[in-house]
Every structure is written in C-alpha cells, then in structure tokens.
Amino acid sequence: MAAKGREKEPVDEVHQTQIMCEVIRKELRTQKLYTHYHVNPNRKGYTITRKPMSWHDNIEEPADAKFLNIIHYAAQGPKKKYSEPQTESQEIGWDSDPLVSVLTPHPGAIHPGAKW
C-alpha cells in the first residue's frame, strides 16, 4: 500500500531507447531469412480451385501409383505397419489375441449350476 503514496518517476527516454536497441539486436541475431521455397512432393493438390460445372476440370486423371501407396500405407493400422509397438500407449492391447482358444467350451464352464 505504500507504493500508492509514491509518485512515478519520469520516463527516461535515453534508457528506453537503449532497451529498444538491445531488443532489436537480439531479434536480428536470431532471425533467419528463408528464401528457398518448394512444393511438397508428397501432396498432390491444386493451387486454384476448380469450377464445378466446367467440363475440362472434371476429366478423370490417372492415379499416381506412388501417391496411392503412401495413402494406403498411412491408412493401415499400427499392427500392420510395425512389428512392435512404437509408443507406450500402443503397448496396451498390442497382443490382444486370446491365450486360450474358445472353440468348444465345456458346458459346465458357461452355466456351472446346470446339469447336462
């Protein structure tokens, strides 16, 4: 509460300018100018939207085999892609196959009180 009674010190413009210059120097030191741009080769897309009623835009194009292989591989489940779990979360339920086959269960195991 004692801070309310004190008056604010006037702003020192020289000190504020020095702080601003230091901030700008730090920004310029870490800034990286990136001028090498390229198109993602794995993404097949168009930069201009098509017109829905145009006949020449709706012509079927042949499917790219490499692109289709990438899409099908990405759509597979993790058990088909990898031989072992890749994350801790995948370890739970990775071996979900039953340890004992249940082909012909014993009748007493289903209803123990029933007489057969």
PDB file of N, CA and C in Angstrom:
ATOM      1  N   MET A   1       0.818  -1.186   0.000  1.00  0.00           N
ATOM      2  CA  MET A   1       0.000   0.000   0.000  1.00  0.00           C
ATOM      3  C   MET A   1       0.862   1.250   0.000  1.00  0.00           C
ATOM      4  N   ALA A   2       2.109   1.107   0.364  1.00  0.00           N
ATOM      5  CA  ALA A   2       2.991   2.257   0.422  1.00  0.00           C
ATOM      6  C   ALA A   2       3.327   2.748  -0.984  1.00  0.00           C
ATOM      7  N   ALA A   3       3.230   1.866  -1.983  1.00  0.00           N
ATOM      8  CA  ALA A   3       3.556   2.265  -3.350  1.00  0.00           C
ATOM      9  C   ALA A   3       2.541   3.250  -3.900  1.00  0.00           C
ATOM     10  N   LYS A   4       1.338   3.282  -3.386  1.00  0.00           N
ATOM     11  CA  LYS A   4       0.325   4.199  -3.895  1.00  0.00           C
ATOM     12  C   LYS A   4       0.657   5.638  -3.557  1.00  0.00           C
ATOM     13  N   GLY A   5       1.301   5.850  -2.408  1.00  0.00           N
ATOM     14  CA  GLY A   5       1.613   7.198  -1.988  1.00  0.00           C
ATOM     15  C   GLY A   5       2.771   7.799  -2.773  1.00  0.00           C
ATOM     16  N   ARG A   6       3.676   6.930  -3.307  1.00  0.00           N
ATOM     17  CA  ARG A   6       4.819   7.437  -4.063  1.00  0.00           C
ATOM     18  C   ARG A   6       4.391   7.888  -5.447  1.00  0.00           C
ATOM     19  N   GLU A   7       5.089   8.858  -5.940  1.00  0.00           N
ATOM     20  CA  GLU A   7       4.816   9.312  -7.310  1.00  0.00           C
ATOM     21  C   GLU A   7       5.715   8.548  -8.266  1.00  0.00           C
ATOM     22  N   LYS A   8       5.255   8.394  -9.489  1.00  0.00           N
ATOM     23  CA  LYS A   8       6.002   7.675 -10.502  1.00  0.00           C
ATOM     24  C   LYS A   8       7.185   8.512 -10.958  1.00  0.00           C
ATOM     25  N   GLU A   9       8.305   7.821 -11.184  1.00  0.00           N
ATOM     26  CA  GLU A   9       9.470   8.530 -11.699  1.00  0.00           C
ATOM     27  C   GLU A   9       9.225   8.841 -13.166  1.00  0.00           C
ATOM     28  N   PRO A  10       9.736   9.967 -13.656  1.00  0.00           N
ATOM     29  CA  PRO A  10       9.540  10.290 -15.074  1.00  0.00           C
ATOM     30  C   PRO A  10      10.298   9.291 -15.956  1.00  0.00           C
ATOM     31  N   VAL A  11       9.775   9.037 -17.141  1.00  0.00           N
ATOM     32  CA  VAL A  11      10.351   8.074 -18.079  1.00  0.00           C
ATOM     33  C   VAL A  11      11.636   8.646 -18.636  1.00  0.00           C
ATOM     34  N   ASP A  12      12.700   7.857 -18.562  1.00  0.00           N
ATOM     35  CA  ASP A  12      13.985   8.264 -19.102  1.00  0.00           C
ATOM     36  C   ASP A  12      14.035   7.800 -20.558  1.00  0.00           C
ATOM     37  N   GLU A  13      13.982   8.727 -21.485  1.00  0.00           N
ATOM     38  CA  GLU A  13      13.915   8.391 -22.916  1.00  0.00           C
ATOM     39  C   GLU A  13      15.201   7.716 -23.390  1.00  0.00           C
ATOM     40  N   VAL A  14      16.345   8.123 -22.857  1.00  0.00           N
ATOM     41  CA  VAL A  14      17.618   7.533 -23.273  1.00  0.00           C
ATOM     42  C   VAL A  14      17.660   6.056 -22.863  1.00  0.00           C
ATOM     43  N   HIS A  15      17.230   5.768 -21.648  1.00  0.00           N
ATOM     44  CA  HIS A  15      17.219   4.395 -21.161  1.00  0.00           C
ATOM     45  C   HIS A  15      16.236   3.535 -21.965  1.00  0.00           C
ATOM     46  N   GLN A  16      15.078   4.073 -22.277  1.00  0.00           N
ATOM     47  CA  GLN A  16      14.086   3.346 -23.080  1.00  0.00           C
ATOM     48  C   GLN A  16      14.629   3.064 -24.479  1.00  0.00           C
ATOM     49  N   THR A  17      15.367   4.005 -25.065  1.00  0.00           N
ATOM     50  CA  THR A  17      15.954   3.815 -26.396  1.00  0.00           C
ATOM     51  C   THR A  17      17.024   2.724 -26.355  1.00  0.00           C
ATOM     52  N   GLN A  18      17.830   2.695 -25.307  1.00  0.00           N
ATOM     53  CA  GLN A  18      18.843   1.652 -25.170  1.00  0.00           C
ATOM     54  C   GLN A  18      18.205   0.264 -25.048  1.00  0.00           C
ATOM     55  N   ILE A  19      17.141   0.169 -24.304  1.00  0.00           N
ATOM     56  CA  ILE A  19      16.434  -1.105 -24.171  1.00  0.00           C
ATOM     57  C   ILE A  19      15.887  -1.550 -25.521  1.00  0.00           C
ATOM     58  N   MET A  20      15.287  -0.621 -26.260  1.00  0.00           N
ATOM     59  CA  MET A  20      14.732  -0.947 -27.579  1.00  0.00           C
ATOM     60  C   MET A  20      15.830  -1.395 -28.544  1.00  0.00           C
ATOM     61  N   CYS A  21      16.986  -0.731 -28.511  1.00  0.00           N
ATOM     62  CA  CYS A  21      18.093  -1.120 -29.382  1.00  0.00           C
ATOM     63  C   CYS A  21      18.598  -2.525 -29.039  1.00  0.00           C
ATOM     64  N   GLU A  22      18.661  -2.854 -27.757  1.00  0.00           N
ATOM     65  CA  GLU A  22      19.096  -4.175 -27.333  1.00  0.00           C
ATOM     66  C   GLU A  22      18.108  -5.251 -27.790  1.00  0.00           C
ATOM     67  N   VAL A  23      16.814  -4.970 -27.698  1.00  0.00           N
ATOM     68  CA  VAL A  23      15.790  -5.921 -28.145  1.00  0.00           C
ATOM     69  C   VAL A  23      15.906  -6.157 -29.647  1.00  0.00           C
ATOM     70  N   ILE A  24      16.122  -5.086 -30.394  1.00  0.00           N
ATOM     71  CA  ILE A  24      16.240  -5.214 -31.859  1.00  0.00           C
ATOM     72  C   ILE A  24      17.489  -6.010 -32.218  1.00  0.00           C
ATOM     73  N   ARG A  25      18.612  -5.756 -31.533  1.00  0.00           N
ATOM     74  CA  ARG A  25      19.831  -6.511 -31.799  1.00  0.00           C
ATOM     75  C   ARG A  25      19.624  -8.004 -31.529  1.00  0.00           C
ATOM     76  N   LYS A  26      18.935  -8.348 -30.457  1.00  0.00           N
ATOM     77  CA  LYS A  26      18.664  -9.757 -30.150  1.00  0.00           C
ATOM     78  C   LYS A  26      17.785 -10.393 -31.220  1.00  0.00           C
ATOM     79  N   GLU A  27      16.783  -9.656 -31.683  1.00  0.00           N
ATOM     80  CA  GLU A  27      15.897 -10.195 -32.727  1.00  0.00           C
ATOM     81  C   GLU A  27      16.651 -10.421 -34.020  1.00  0.00           C
ATOM     82  N   LEU A  28      17.511  -9.472 -34.395  1.00  0.00           N
ATOM     83  CA  LEU A  28      18.268  -9.613 -35.639  1.00  0.00           C
ATOM     84  C   LEU A  28      19.298 -10.740 -35.544  1.00  0.00           C
ATOM     85  N   ARG A  29      19.813 -10.993 -34.345  1.00  0.00           N
ATOM     86  CA  ARG A  29      20.796 -12.044 -34.167  1.00  0.00           C
ATOM     87  C   ARG A  29      20.165 -13.429 -34.350  1.00  0.00           C
ATOM     88  N   THR A  30      18.914 -13.580 -33.951  1.00  0.00           N
ATOM     89  CA  THR A  30      18.257 -14.886 -34.049  1.00  0.00           C
ATOM     90  C   THR A  30      17.414 -15.039 -35.307  1.00  0.00           C
ATOM     91  N   GLN A  31      17.259 -13.991 -36.062  1.00  0.00           N
ATOM     92  CA  GLN A  31      16.408 -14.047 -37.260  1.00  0.00           C
ATOM     93  C   GLN A  31      17.126 -14.793 -38.379  1.00  0.00           C
ATOM     94  N   LYS A  32      16.376 -15.625 -39.096  1.00  0.00           N
ATOM     95  CA  LYS A  32      16.922 -16.359 -40.227  1.00  0.00           C
ATOM     96  C   LYS A  32      16.036 -16.095 -41.429  1.00  0.00           C
ATOM     97  N   LEU A  33      16.641 -15.607 -42.484  1.00  0.00           N
ATOM     98  CA  LEU A  33      15.889 -15.317 -43.698  1.00  0.00           C
ATOM     99  C   LEU A  33      15.845 -16.581 -44.546  1.00  0.00           C
ATOM    100  N   TYR A  34      14.652 -17.089 -44.776  1.00  0.00           N
ATOM    101  CA  TYR A  34      14.455 -18.320 -45.537  1.00  0.00           C
ATOM    102  C   TYR A  34      13.899 -17.950 -46.899  1.00  0.00           C
ATOM    103  N   THR A  35      14.679 -18.189 -47.939  1.00  0.00           N
ATOM    104  CA  THR A  35      14.253 -17.812 -49.294  1.00  0.00           C
ATOM    105  C   THR A  35      14.104 -19.012 -50.217  1.00  0.00           C
ATOM    106  N   HIS A  36      14.413 -20.208 -49.741  1.00  0.00           N
ATOM    107  CA  HIS A  36      14.310 -21.393 -50.585  1.00  0.00           C
ATOM    108  C   HIS A  36      12.960 -22.060 -50.339  1.00  0.00           C
ATOM    109  N   TYR A  37      12.009 -21.821 -51.227  1.00  0.00           N
ATOM    110  CA  TYR A  37      10.667 -22.382 -51.096  1.00  0.00           C
ATOM    111  C   TYR A  37      10.479 -23.484 -52.118  1.00  0.00           C
ATOM    112  N   HIS A  38       9.699 -24.500 -51.761  1.00  0.00           N
ATOM    113  CA  HIS A  38       9.410 -25.591 -52.686  1.00  0.00           C
ATOM    114  C   HIS A  38       8.030 -26.165 -52.374  1.00  0.00           C
ATOM    115  N   VAL A  39       7.524 -26.923 -53.316  1.00  0.00           N
ATOM    116  CA  VAL A  39       6.224 -27.553 -53.166  1.00  0.00           C
ATOM    117  C   VAL A  39       6.437 -28.938 -52.561  1.00  0.00           C
ATOM    118  N   ASN A  40       5.563 -29.330 -51.675  1.00  0.00           N
ATOM    119  CA  ASN A  40       5.657 -30.648 -51.055  1.00  0.00           C
ATOM    120  C   ASN A  40       5.402 -31.711 -52.126  1.00  0.00           C
ATOM    121  N   PRO A  41       6.377 -32.585 -52.392  1.00  0.00           N
ATOM    122  CA  PRO A  41       6.185 -33.574 -53.460  1.00  0.00           C
ATOM    123  C   PRO A  41       5.202 -34.678 -53.081  1.00  0.00           C
ATOM    124  N   ASN A  42       4.940 -34.883 -51.791  1.00  0.00           N
ATOM    125  CA  ASN A  42       4.025 -35.945 -51.371  1.00  0.00           C
ATOM    126  C   ASN A  42       2.573 -35.499 -51.385  1.00  0.00           C
ATOM    127  N   ARG A  43       2.337 -34.223 -51.565  1.00  0.00           N
ATOM    128  CA  ARG A  43       0.960 -33.715 -51.550  1.00  0.00           C
ATOM    129  C   ARG A  43       0.547 -33.341 -52.967  1.00  0.00           C
ATOM    130  N   LYS A  44      -0.474 -34.004 -53.425  1.00  0.00           N
ATOM    131  CA  LYS A  44      -0.963 -33.734 -54.764  1.00  0.00           C
ATOM    132  C   LYS A  44      -2.163 -32.801 -54.636  1.00  0.00           C
ATOM    133  N   GLY A  45      -2.022 -31.613 -55.092  1.00  0.00           N
ATOM    134  CA  GLY A  45      -3.112 -30.666 -54.939  1.00  0.00           C
ATOM    135  C   GLY A  45      -3.028 -29.560 -55.973  1.00  0.00           C
ATOM    136  N   TYR A  46      -4.054 -28.784 -56.042  1.00  0.00           N
ATOM    137  CA  TYR A  46      -4.118 -27.696 -56.989  1.00  0.00           C
ATOM    138  C   TYR A  46      -4.124 -26.379 -56.226  1.00  0.00           C
ATOM    139  N   THR A  47      -3.499 -25.374 -56.827  1.00  0.00           N
ATOM    140  CA  THR A  47      -3.444 -24.077 -56.161  1.00  0.00           C
ATOM    141  C   THR A  47      -4.680 -23.247 -56.461  1.00  0.00           C
ATOM    142  N   ILE A  48      -5.355 -23.526 -57.552  1.00  0.00           N
ATOM    143  CA  ILE A  48      -6.557 -22.783 -57.933  1.00  0.00           C
ATOM    144  C   ILE A  48      -7.749 -23.724 -57.814  1.00  0.00           C
ATOM    145  N   THR A  49      -8.806 -23.267 -57.196  1.00  0.00           N
ATOM    146  CA  THR A  49      -9.981 -24.127 -57.062  1.00  0.00           C
ATOM    147  C   THR A  49     -10.639 -24.336 -58.421  1.00  0.00           C
ATOM    148  N   ARG A  50     -11.210 -25.492 -58.568  1.00  0.00           N
ATOM    149  CA  ARG A  50     -11.861 -25.828 -59.834  1.00  0.00           C
ATOM    150  C   ARG A  50     -13.275 -25.262 -59.877  1.00  0.00           C
ATOM    151  N   LYS A  51     -13.752 -25.096 -61.085  1.00  0.00           N
ATOM    152  CA  LYS A  51     -15.139 -24.679 -61.270  1.00  0.00           C
ATOM    153  C   LYS A  51     -15.989 -25.950 -61.360  1.00  0.00           C
ATOM    154  N   PRO A  52     -17.050 -26.043 -60.582  1.00  0.00           N
ATOM    155  CA  PRO A  52     -17.798 -27.301 -60.534  1.00  0.00           C
ATOM    156  C   PRO A  52     -18.484 -27.668 -61.844  1.00  0.00           C
ATOM    157  N   MET A  53     -18.857 -26.726 -62.656  1.00  0.00           N
ATOM    158  CA  MET A  53     -19.597 -27.043 -63.882  1.00  0.00           C
ATOM    159  C   MET A  53     -18.708 -27.061 -65.123  1.00  0.00           C
ATOM    160  N   SER A  54     -17.411 -26.905 -64.970  1.00  0.00           N
ATOM    161  CA  SER A  54     -16.508 -26.891 -66.109  1.00  0.00           C
ATOM    162  C   SER A  54     -16.205 -28.322 -66.535  1.00  0.00           C
ATOM    163  N   TRP A  55     -16.348 -28.623 -67.815  1.00  0.00           N
ATOM    164  CA  TRP A  55     -16.165 -29.986 -68.283  1.00  0.00           C
ATOM    165  C   TRP A  55     -14.689 -30.371 -68.312  1.00  0.00           C
ATOM    166  N   HIS A  56     -13.796 -29.440 -68.624  1.00  0.00           N
ATOM    167  CA  HIS A  56     -12.381 -29.815 -68.733  1.00  0.00           C
ATOM    168  C   HIS A  56     -11.711 -29.961 -67.364  1.00  0.00           C
ATOM    169  N   ASP A  57     -12.305 -29.429 -66.313  1.00  0.00           N
ATOM    170  CA  ASP A  57     -11.760 -29.633 -64.976  1.00  0.00           C
ATOM    171  C   ASP A  57     -12.226 -30.952 -64.363  1.00  0.00           C
ATOM    172  N   ASN A  58     -13.299 -31.511 -64.882  1.00  0.00           N
ATOM    173  CA  ASN A  58     -13.859 -32.732 -64.304  1.00  0.00           C
ATOM    174  C   ASN A  58     -13.424 -33.996 -65.032  1.00  0.00           C
ATOM    175  N   ILE A  59     -12.431 -33.907 -65.888  1.00  0.00           N
ATOM    176  CA  ILE A  59     -11.913 -35.078 -66.592  1.00  0.00           C
ATOM    177  C   ILE A  59     -11.117 -35.920 -65.599  1.00  0.00           C
ATOM    178  N   GLU A  60     -11.339 -37.217 -65.623  1.00  0.00           N
ATOM    179  CA  GLU A  60     -10.636 -38.123 -64.717  1.00  0.00           C
ATOM    180  C   GLU A  60      -9.155 -38.154 -65.083  1.00  0.00           C
ATOM    181  N   GLU A  61      -8.315 -38.040 -64.070  1.00  0.00           N
ATOM    182  CA  GLU A  61      -6.880 -38.110 -64.279  1.00  0.00           C
ATOM    183  C   GLU A  61      -6.384 -39.466 -63.809  1.00  0.00           C
ATOM    184  N   PRO A  62      -5.325 -39.980 -64.422  1.00  0.00           N
ATOM    185  CA  PRO A  62      -4.801 -41.278 -63.970  1.00  0.00           C
ATOM    186  C   PRO A  62      -4.233 -41.149 -62.558  1.00  0.00           C
ATOM    187  N   ALA A  63      -4.420 -42.193 -61.784  1.00  0.00           N
ATOM    188  CA  ALA A  63      -3.959 -42.182 -60.399  1.00  0.00           C
ATOM    189  C   ALA A  63      -2.446 -42.405 -60.347  1.00  0.00           C
ATOM    190  N   ASP A  64      -1.798 -41.680 -59.494  1.00  0.00           N
ATOM    191  CA  ASP A  64      -0.366 -41.814 -59.305  1.00  0.00           C
ATOM    192  C   ASP A  64      -0.121 -42.992 -58.352  1.00  0.00           C
ATOM    193  N   ALA A  65       0.605 -44.004 -58.814  1.00  0.00           N
ATOM    194  CA  ALA A  65       0.799 -45.224 -58.025  1.00  0.00           C
ATOM    195  C   ALA A  65       1.574 -44.950 -56.739  1.00  0.00           C
ATOM    196  N   LYS A  66       2.600 -44.101 -56.810  1.00  0.00           N
ATOM    197  CA  LYS A  66       3.394 -43.795 -55.617  1.00  0.00           C
ATOM    198  C   LYS A  66       2.537 -43.075 -54.575  1.00  0.00           C
ATOM    199  N   PHE A  67       1.728 -42.134 -55.027  1.00  0.00           N
ATOM    200  CA  PHE A  67       0.849 -41.390 -54.125  1.00  0.00           C
ATOM    201  C   PHE A  67      -0.173 -42.326 -53.479  1.00  0.00           C
ATOM    202  N   LEU A  68      -0.743 -43.233 -54.250  1.00  0.00           N
ATOM    203  CA  LEU A  68      -1.721 -44.176 -53.700  1.00  0.00           C
ATOM    204  C   LEU A  68      -1.083 -45.121 -52.683  1.00  0.00           C
ATOM    205  N   ASN A  69       0.159 -45.543 -52.929  1.00  0.00           N
ATOM    206  CA  ASN A  69       0.853 -46.410 -51.970  1.00  0.00           C
ATOM    207  C   ASN A  69       1.076 -45.682 -50.641  1.00  0.00           C
ATOM    208  N   ILE A  70       1.433 -44.416 -50.712  1.00  0.00           N
ATOM    209  CA  ILE A  70       1.646 -43.626 -49.494  1.00  0.00           C
ATOM    210  C   ILE A  70       0.349 -43.491 -48.719  1.00  0.00           C
ATOM    211  N   ILE A  71      -0.750 -43.221 -49.416  1.00  0.00           N
ATOM    212  CA  ILE A  71      -2.046 -43.052 -48.759  1.00  0.00           C
ATOM    213  C   ILE A  71      -2.505 -44.371 -48.128  1.00  0.00           C
ATOM    214  N   HIS A  72      -2.361 -45.482 -48.857  1.00  0.00           N
ATOM    215  CA  HIS A  72      -2.792 -46.770 -48.325  1.00  0.00           C
ATOM    216  C   HIS A  72      -1.940 -47.192 -47.125  1.00  0.00           C
ATOM    217  N   TYR A  73      -0.649 -46.900 -47.176  1.00  0.00           N
ATOM    218  CA  TYR A  73       0.222 -47.232 -46.050  1.00  0.00           C
ATOM    219  C   TYR A  73      -0.158 -46.409 -44.817  1.00  0.00           C
ATOM    220  N   ALA A  74      -0.484 -45.136 -45.016  1.00  0.00           N
ATOM    221  CA  ALA A  74      -0.857 -44.270 -43.893  1.00  0.00           C
ATOM    222  C   ALA A  74      -2.196 -44.697 -43.291  1.00  0.00           C
ATOM    223  N   ALA A  75      -3.073 -45.291 -44.099  1.00  0.00           N
ATOM    224  CA  ALA A  75      -4.395 -45.693 -43.614  1.00  0.00           C
ATOM    225  C   ALA A  75      -4.372 -47.020 -42.856  1.00  0.00           C
ATOM    226  N   GLN A  76      -3.278 -47.750 -42.936  1.00  0.00           N
ATOM    227  CA  GLN A  76      -3.195 -49.029 -42.240  1.00  0.00           C
ATOM    228  C   GLN A  76      -3.113 -48.813 -40.738  1.00  0.00           C
ATOM    229  N   GLY A  77      -3.500 -49.816 -40.005  1.00  0.00           N
ATOM    230  CA  GLY A  77      -3.385 -49.772 -38.550  1.00  0.00           C
ATOM    231  C   GLY A  77      -1.945 -49.966 -38.116  1.00  0.00           C
ATOM    232  N   PRO A  78      -1.626 -49.611 -36.882  1.00  0.00           N
ATOM    233  CA  PRO A  78      -0.242 -49.734 -36.432  1.00  0.00           C
ATOM    234  C   PRO A  78       0.255 -51.173 -36.375  1.00  0.00           C
ATOM    235  N   LYS A  79      -0.621 -52.157 -36.149  1.00  0.00           N
ATOM    236  CA  LYS A  79      -0.176 -53.557 -36.116  1.00  0.00           C
ATOM    237  C   LYS A  79       0.282 -54.032 -37.486  1.00  0.00           C
ATOM    238  N   LYS A  80      -0.308 -53.497 -38.546  1.00  0.00           N
ATOM    239  CA  LYS A  80       0.086 -53.899 -39.893  1.00  0.00           C
ATOM    240  C   LYS A  80       1.344 -53.153 -40.340  1.00  0.00           C
ATOM    241  N   LYS A  81       1.541 -51.942 -39.816  1.00  0.00           N
ATOM    242  CA  LYS A  81       2.707 -51.157 -40.219  1.00  0.00           C
ATOM    243  C   LYS A  81       3.979 -51.587 -39.498  1.00  0.00           C
ATOM    244  N   TYR A  82       3.866 -51.884 -38.204  1.00  0.00           N
ATOM    245  CA  TYR A  82       5.043 -52.144 -37.388  1.00  0.00           C
ATOM    246  C   TYR A  82       4.963 -53.525 -36.760  1.00  0.00           C
ATOM    247  N   SER A  83       6.121 -54.113 -36.488  1.00  0.00           N
ATOM    248  CA  SER A  83       6.142 -55.425 -35.844  1.00  0.00           C
ATOM    249  C   SER A  83       6.072 -55.297 -34.325  1.00  0.00           C
ATOM    250  N   GLU A  84       6.479 -54.149 -33.788  1.00  0.00           N
ATOM    251  CA  GLU A  84       6.446 -53.901 -32.346  1.00  0.00           C
ATOM    252  C   GLU A  84       5.733 -52.583 -32.092  1.00  0.00           C
ATOM    253  N   PRO A  85       5.209 -52.385 -30.875  1.00  0.00           N
ATOM    254  CA  PRO A  85       4.578 -51.095 -30.567  1.00  0.00           C
ATOM    255  C   PRO A  85       5.609 -49.968 -30.582  1.00  0.00           C
ATOM    256  N   GLN A  86       5.220 -48.817 -31.108  1.00  0.00           N
ATOM    257  CA  GLN A  86       6.126 -47.682 -31.229  1.00  0.00           C
ATOM    258  C   GLN A  86       6.027 -46.724 -30.053  1.00  0.00           C
ATOM    259  N   THR A  87       4.918 -46.725 -29.340  1.00  0.00           N
ATOM    260  CA  THR A  87       4.725 -45.831 -28.203  1.00  0.00           C
ATOM    261  C   THR A  87       4.273 -46.644 -26.997  1.00  0.00           C
ATOM    262  N   GLU A  88       4.340 -46.013 -25.830  1.00  0.00           N
ATOM    263  CA  GLU A  88       3.875 -46.670 -24.610  1.00  0.00           C
ATOM    264  C   GLU A  88       2.369 -46.938 -24.682  1.00  0.00           C
ATOM    265  N   SER A  89       1.648 -46.040 -25.329  1.00  0.00           N
ATOM    266  CA  SER A  89       0.200 -46.188 -25.438  1.00  0.00           C
ATOM    267  C   SER A  89      -0.169 -47.399 -26.293  1.00  0.00           C
ATOM    268  N   GLN A  90       0.650 -47.696 -27.285  1.00  0.00           N
ATOM    269  CA  GLN A  90       0.351 -48.832 -28.151  1.00  0.00           C
ATOM    270  C   GLN A  90       0.625 -50.168 -27.468  1.00  0.00           C
ATOM    271  N   GLU A  91       1.453 -50.168 -26.430  1.00  0.00           N
ATOM    272  CA  GLU A  91       1.770 -51.422 -25.744  1.00  0.00           C
ATOM    273  C   GLU A  91       0.539 -52.038 -25.097  1.00  0.00           C
ATOM    274  N   ILE A  92      -0.391 -51.196 -24.664  1.00  0.00           N
ATOM    275  CA  ILE A  92      -1.617 -51.692 -24.047  1.00  0.00           C
ATOM    276  C   ILE A  92      -2.508 -52.226 -25.171  1.00  0.00           C
ATOM    277  N   GLY A  93      -2.782 -53.480 -25.163  1.00  0.00           N
ATOM    278  CA  GLY A  93      -3.649 -54.072 -26.169  1.00  0.00           C
ATOM    279  C   GLY A  93      -2.943 -54.492 -27.432  1.00  0.00           C
ATOM    280  N   TRP A  94      -1.609 -54.414 -27.472  1.00  0.00           N
ATOM    281  CA  TRP A  94      -0.897 -54.806 -28.701  1.00  0.00           C
ATOM    282  C   TRP A  94      -1.080 -56.302 -28.957  1.00  0.00           C
ATOM    283  N   ASP A  95      -0.924 -57.122 -27.911  1.00  0.00           N
ATOM    284  CA  ASP A  95      -1.141 -58.567 -28.041  1.00  0.00           C
ATOM    285  C   ASP A  95      -2.539 -58.870 -27.517  1.00  0.00           C
ATOM    286  N   SER A  96      -3.527 -58.575 -28.307  1.00  0.00           N
ATOM    287  CA  SER A  96      -4.910 -58.757 -27.856  1.00  0.00           C
ATOM    288  C   SER A  96      -5.484 -60.114 -28.254  1.00  0.00           C
ATOM    289  N   ASP A  97      -4.682 -60.965 -28.841  1.00  0.00           N
ATOM    290  CA  ASP A  97      -5.174 -62.295 -29.206  1.00  0.00           C
ATOM    291  C   ASP A  97      -5.375 -63.117 -27.932  1.00  0.00           C
ATOM    292  N   PRO A  98      -6.441 -63.922 -27.865  1.00  0.00           N
ATOM    293  CA  PRO A  98      -6.676 -64.708 -26.647  1.00  0.00           C
ATOM    294  C   PRO A  98      -5.599 -65.781 -26.480  1.00  0.00           C
ATOM    295  N   LEU A  99      -5.219 -66.013 -25.237  1.00  0.00           N
ATOM    296  CA  LEU A  99      -4.191 -67.012 -24.958  1.00  0.00           C
ATOM    297  C   LEU A  99      -4.733 -68.429 -25.085  1.00  0.00           C
ATOM    298  N   VAL A 100      -6.023 -68.611 -24.783  1.00  0.00           N
ATOM    299  CA  VAL A 100      -6.651 -69.929 -24.882  1.00  0.00           C
ATOM    300  C   VAL A 100      -7.751 -69.835 -25.933  1.00  0.00           C
ATOM    301  N   SER A 101      -7.743 -70.757 -26.875  1.00  0.00           N
ATOM    302  CA  SER A 101      -8.779 -70.720 -27.906  1.00  0.00           C
ATOM    303  C   SER A 101     -10.102 -71.208 -27.321  1.00  0.00           C
ATOM    304  N   VAL A 102     -11.171 -70.579 -27.703  1.00  0.00           N
ATOM    305  CA  VAL A 102     -12.501 -70.925 -27.190  1.00  0.00           C
ATOM    306  C   VAL A 102     -13.297 -71.535 -28.340  1.00  0.00           C
ATOM    307  N   LEU A 103     -12.867 -72.720 -28.797  1.00  0.00           N
ATOM    308  CA  LEU A 103     -13.570 -73.361 -29.898  1.00  0.00           C
ATOM    309  C   LEU A 103     -14.793 -74.121 -29.382  1.00  0.00           C
ATOM    310  N   THR A 104     -14.596 -75.025 -28.449  1.00  0.00           N
ATOM    311  CA  THR A 104     -15.710 -75.788 -27.872  1.00  0.00           C
ATOM    312  C   THR A 104     -15.609 -75.693 -26.361  1.00  0.00           C
ATOM    313  N   PRO A 105     -16.318 -74.764 -25.765  1.00  0.00           N
ATOM    314  CA  PRO A 105     -16.205 -74.625 -24.312  1.00  0.00           C
ATOM    315  C   PRO A 105     -16.904 -75.768 -23.587  1.00  0.00           C
ATOM    316  N   HIS A 106     -16.436 -76.038 -22.417  1.00  0.00           N
ATOM    317  CA  HIS A 106     -17.055 -77.060 -21.578  1.00  0.00           C
ATOM    318  C   HIS A 106     -18.401 -76.532 -21.121  1.00  0.00           C
ATOM    319  N   PRO A 107     -19.485 -77.329 -21.208  1.00  0.00           N
ATOM    320  CA  PRO A 107     -20.798 -76.808 -20.849  1.00  0.00           C
ATOM    321  C   PRO A 107     -20.877 -76.364 -19.406  1.00  0.00           C
ATOM    322  N   GLY A 108     -20.155 -76.990 -18.523  1.00  0.00           N
ATOM    323  CA  GLY A 108     -20.203 -76.602 -17.121  1.00  0.00           C
ATOM    324  C   GLY A 108     -19.516 -75.273 -16.869  1.00  0.00           C
ATOM    325  N   ALA A 109     -18.641 -74.860 -17.791  1.00  0.00           N
ATOM    326  CA  ALA A 109     -17.943 -73.590 -17.595  1.00  0.00           C
ATOM    327  C   ALA A 109     -18.873 -72.401 -17.868  1.00  0.00           C
ATOM    328  N   ILE A 110     -19.878 -72.595 -18.740  1.00  0.00           N
ATOM    329  CA  ILE A 110     -20.775 -71.498 -19.054  1.00  0.00           C
ATOM    330  C   ILE A 110     -21.820 -71.343 -17.957  1.00  0.00           C
ATOM    331  N   HIS A 111     -22.506 -72.458 -17.624  1.00  0.00           N
ATOM    332  CA  HIS A 111     -23.526 -72.448 -16.564  1.00  0.00           C
ATOM    333  C   HIS A 111     -23.143 -73.503 -15.537  1.00  0.00           C
ATOM    334  N   PRO A 112     -22.430 -73.131 -14.485  1.00  0.00           N
ATOM    335  CA  PRO A 112     -21.944 -74.167 -13.565  1.00  0.00           C
ATOM    336  C   PRO A 112     -23.060 -74.888 -12.841  1.00  0.00           C
ATOM    337  N   GLY A 113     -24.222 -74.295 -12.631  1.00  0.00           N
ATOM    338  CA  GLY A 113     -25.306 -74.971 -11.898  1.00  0.00           C
ATOM    339  C   GLY A 113     -26.165 -75.858 -12.783  1.00  0.00           C
ATOM    340  N   ALA A 114     -26.034 -75.746 -14.100  1.00  0.00           N
ATOM    341  CA  ALA A 114     -26.895 -76.511 -14.991  1.00  0.00           C
ATOM    342  C   ALA A 114     -26.415 -77.951 -15.124  1.00  0.00           C
ATOM    343  N   LYS A 115     -27.336 -78.866 -15.302  1.00  0.00           N
ATOM    344  CA  LYS A 115     -26.985 -80.279 -15.472  1.00  0.00           C
ATOM    345  C   LYS A 115     -27.174 -80.649 -16.943  1.00  0.00           C
ATOM    346  N   TRP A 116     -26.199 -81.279 -17.500  1.00  0.00           N
ATOM    347  CA  TRP A 116     -26.254 -81.643 -18.923  1.00  0.00           C
ATOM    348  C   TRP A 116     -26.405 -83.085 -19.099  1.00  0.00           C
TER     349      TRP A 116
END
